[in-house]
C-alpha atoms as a PDB file:
ATOM      1  CA  UNK A   1       0.155   0.058   0.131  1.00  0.00           C
ATOM      2  CA  UNK A   2       1.315   3.426  -0.770  1.00  0.00           C
ATOM      3  CA  UNK A   3       2.168   5.761   1.891  1.00  0.00           C
ATOM      4  CA  UNK A   4       0.092   8.562   0.363  1.00  0.00           C
ATOM      5  CA  UNK A   5      -3.037   8.178  -2.349  1.00  0.00           C
ATOM      6  CA  UNK A   6      -3.182  11.797  -2.677  1.00  0.00           C
ATOM      7  CA  UNK A   7      -0.723  14.448  -1.509  1.00  0.00           C
ATOM      8  CA  UNK A   8       1.060  17.664  -2.277  1.00  0.00           C
ATOM      9  CA  UNK A   9       4.580  18.891  -1.564  1.00  0.00           C
ATOM     10  CA  UNK A  10       4.808  21.781   0.576  1.00  0.00           C
ATOM     11  CA  UNK A  11       8.386  23.314  -0.595  1.00  0.00           C
ATOM     12  CA  UNK A  12       9.236  24.620   3.003  1.00  0.00           C
ATOM     13  CA  UNK A  13      12.806  24.922   3.110  1.00  0.00           C
ATOM     14  CA  UNK A  14      13.765  23.655  -0.472  1.00  0.00           C
ATOM     15  CA  UNK A  15      14.587  24.828  -4.059  1.00  0.00           C
ATOM     16  CA  UNK A  16      12.967  26.683  -5.421  1.00  0.00           C
ATOM     17  CA  UNK A  17      11.641  28.829  -2.799  1.00  0.00           C
ATOM     18  CA  UNK A  18      15.269  29.182  -0.887  1.00  0.00           C
ATOM     19  CA  UNK A  19      18.794  29.092  -2.966  1.00  0.00           C
ATOM     20  CA  UNK A  20      20.424  27.028  -0.087  1.00  0.00           C
ATOM     21  CA  UNK A  21      18.279  25.081   2.340  1.00  0.00           C
ATOM     22  CA  UNK A  22      19.088  25.227   5.856  1.00  0.00           C
ATOM     23  CA  UNK A  23      20.444  22.066   7.355  1.00  0.00           C
ATOM     24  CA  UNK A  24      18.124  20.699  10.007  1.00  0.00           C
ATOM     25  CA  UNK A  25      15.523  23.029   9.537  1.00  0.00           C
ATOM     26  CA  UNK A  26      12.960  20.633   7.969  1.00  0.00           C
ATOM     27  CA  UNK A  27      11.725  19.713   4.588  1.00  0.00           C
ATOM     28  CA  UNK A  28      10.085  16.983   2.739  1.00  0.00           C
ATOM     29  CA  UNK A  29       6.695  18.357   4.472  1.00  0.00           C
ATOM     30  CA  UNK A  30       3.444  17.326   2.760  1.00  0.00           C
ATOM     31  CA  UNK A  31      -0.210  18.044   2.503  1.00  0.00           C
ATOM     32  CA  UNK A  32      -1.856  14.987   3.202  1.00  0.00           C
ATOM     33  CA  UNK A  33      -4.956  13.283   4.671  1.00  0.00           C
ATOM     34  CA  UNK A  34      -5.464  12.595   8.211  1.00  0.00           C
ATOM     35  CA  UNK A  35      -5.611   8.981   8.246  1.00  0.00           C
ATOM     36  CA  UNK A  36      -1.814   8.583   7.296  1.00  0.00           C
ATOM     37  CA  UNK A  37      -1.065  10.458  10.756  1.00  0.00           C
ATOM     38  CA  UNK A  38      -3.620   8.374  12.754  1.00  0.00           C
ATOM     39  CA  UNK A  39      -5.264  11.298  13.689  1.00  0.00           C
ATOM     40  CA  UNK A  40      -2.142  12.355  15.770  1.00  0.00           C
ATOM     41  CA  UNK A  41       0.236  14.929  15.144  1.00  0.00           C
ATOM     42  CA  UNK A  42       2.386  14.956  12.380  1.00  0.00           C
ATOM     43  CA  UNK A  43       6.313  15.584  11.872  1.00  0.00           C
ATOM     44  CA  UNK A  44       5.690  18.909  10.379  1.00  0.00           C
ATOM     45  CA  UNK A  45       3.147  17.907   7.561  1.00  0.00           C
ATOM     46  CA  UNK A  46      -0.131  19.614   7.180  1.00  0.00           C
ATOM     47  CA  UNK A  47      -2.987  16.872   7.714  1.00  0.00           C
ATOM     48  CA  UNK A  48      -6.658  17.675   6.543  1.00  0.00           C
ATOM     49  CA  UNK A  49      -9.681  15.188   5.893  1.00  0.00           C
ATOM     50  CA  UNK A  50      -9.646  13.468   2.668  1.00  0.00           C
ATOM     51  CA  UNK A  51     -12.358  15.271   1.389  1.00  0.00           C
ATOM     52  CA  UNK A  52     -10.699  18.751   2.114  1.00  0.00           C
ATOM     53  CA  UNK A  53      -7.614  17.331   0.327  1.00  0.00           C
ATOM     54  CA  UNK A  54      -9.120  16.573  -2.461  1.00  0.00           C
ATOM     55  CA  UNK A  55     -10.921  19.803  -2.588  1.00  0.00           C
ATOM     56  CA  UNK A  56      -7.677  21.717  -2.294  1.00  0.00           C
ATOM     57  CA  UNK A  57      -5.995  19.684  -4.805  1.00  0.00           C
ATOM     58  CA  UNK A  58      -8.950  20.132  -7.594  1.00  0.00           C
ATOM     59  CA  UNK A  59      -8.401  23.911  -6.777  1.00  0.00           C
ATOM     60  CA  UNK A  60      -4.759  24.028  -6.291  1.00  0.00           C
ATOM     61  CA  UNK A  61      -2.549  25.582  -9.123  1.00  0.00           C
ATOM     62  CA  UNK A  62       1.255  25.555  -8.666  1.00  0.00           C
ATOM     63  CA  UNK A  63       1.775  28.327 -11.192  1.00  0.00           C
ATOM     64  CA  UNK A  64      -0.073  30.671  -8.911  1.00  0.00           C
ATOM     65  CA  UNK A  65       2.084  30.243  -6.065  1.00  0.00           C
ATOM     66  CA  UNK A  66      -0.169  29.198  -3.464  1.00  0.00           C
ATOM     67  CA  UNK A  67       0.566  29.424   0.226  1.00  0.00           C
ATOM     68  CA  UNK A  68      -0.299  27.219   3.458  1.00  0.00           C
ATOM     69  CA  UNK A  69      -0.919  29.512   6.264  1.00  0.00           C
ATOM     70  CA  UNK A  70      -1.191  28.028   9.787  1.00  0.00           C
ATOM     71  CA  UNK A  71      -3.116  30.597  11.787  1.00  0.00           C
ATOM     72  CA  UNK A  72      -5.988  30.937  14.348  1.00  0.00           C
ATOM     73  CA  UNK A  73      -8.867  31.754  12.267  1.00  0.00           C
ATOM     74  CA  UNK A  74      -9.368  35.476  13.325  1.00  0.00           C
ATOM     75  CA  UNK A  75      -5.602  36.310  12.369  1.00  0.00           C
ATOM     76  CA  UNK A  76      -6.277  34.647   8.523  1.00  0.00           C
ATOM     77  CA  UNK A  77      -7.023  38.189   7.210  1.00  0.00           C
ATOM     78  CA  UNK A  78      -3.209  39.089   7.840  1.00  0.00           C
ATOM     79  CA  UNK A  79      -2.263  36.851   5.044  1.00  0.00           C
END
C-alpha cells in the first residue's frame, strides 16, 4: 500500500523557494490526509480530511504560487 494516495509537496526549506536549504530546519513536508497520521500530530506535515484534501488538490494551481498558512481563524486576514 502506498504511503499516500493523494498529497502535495510543501516546498518549505527547499529549492526553488530558498537558494540554499538550511540544514536540520525541516523539509519533505507534505499536505496529506489525516488517516496517514492516525489522527495524531504529524512531523511537520499538514493533515486534513480526505474530502478537504481532494477539494484543495482540485483547486490547487502551482503556477499561481499558492501558500499554506497556519493561523488562528481571526488572524487569517493578515495573509
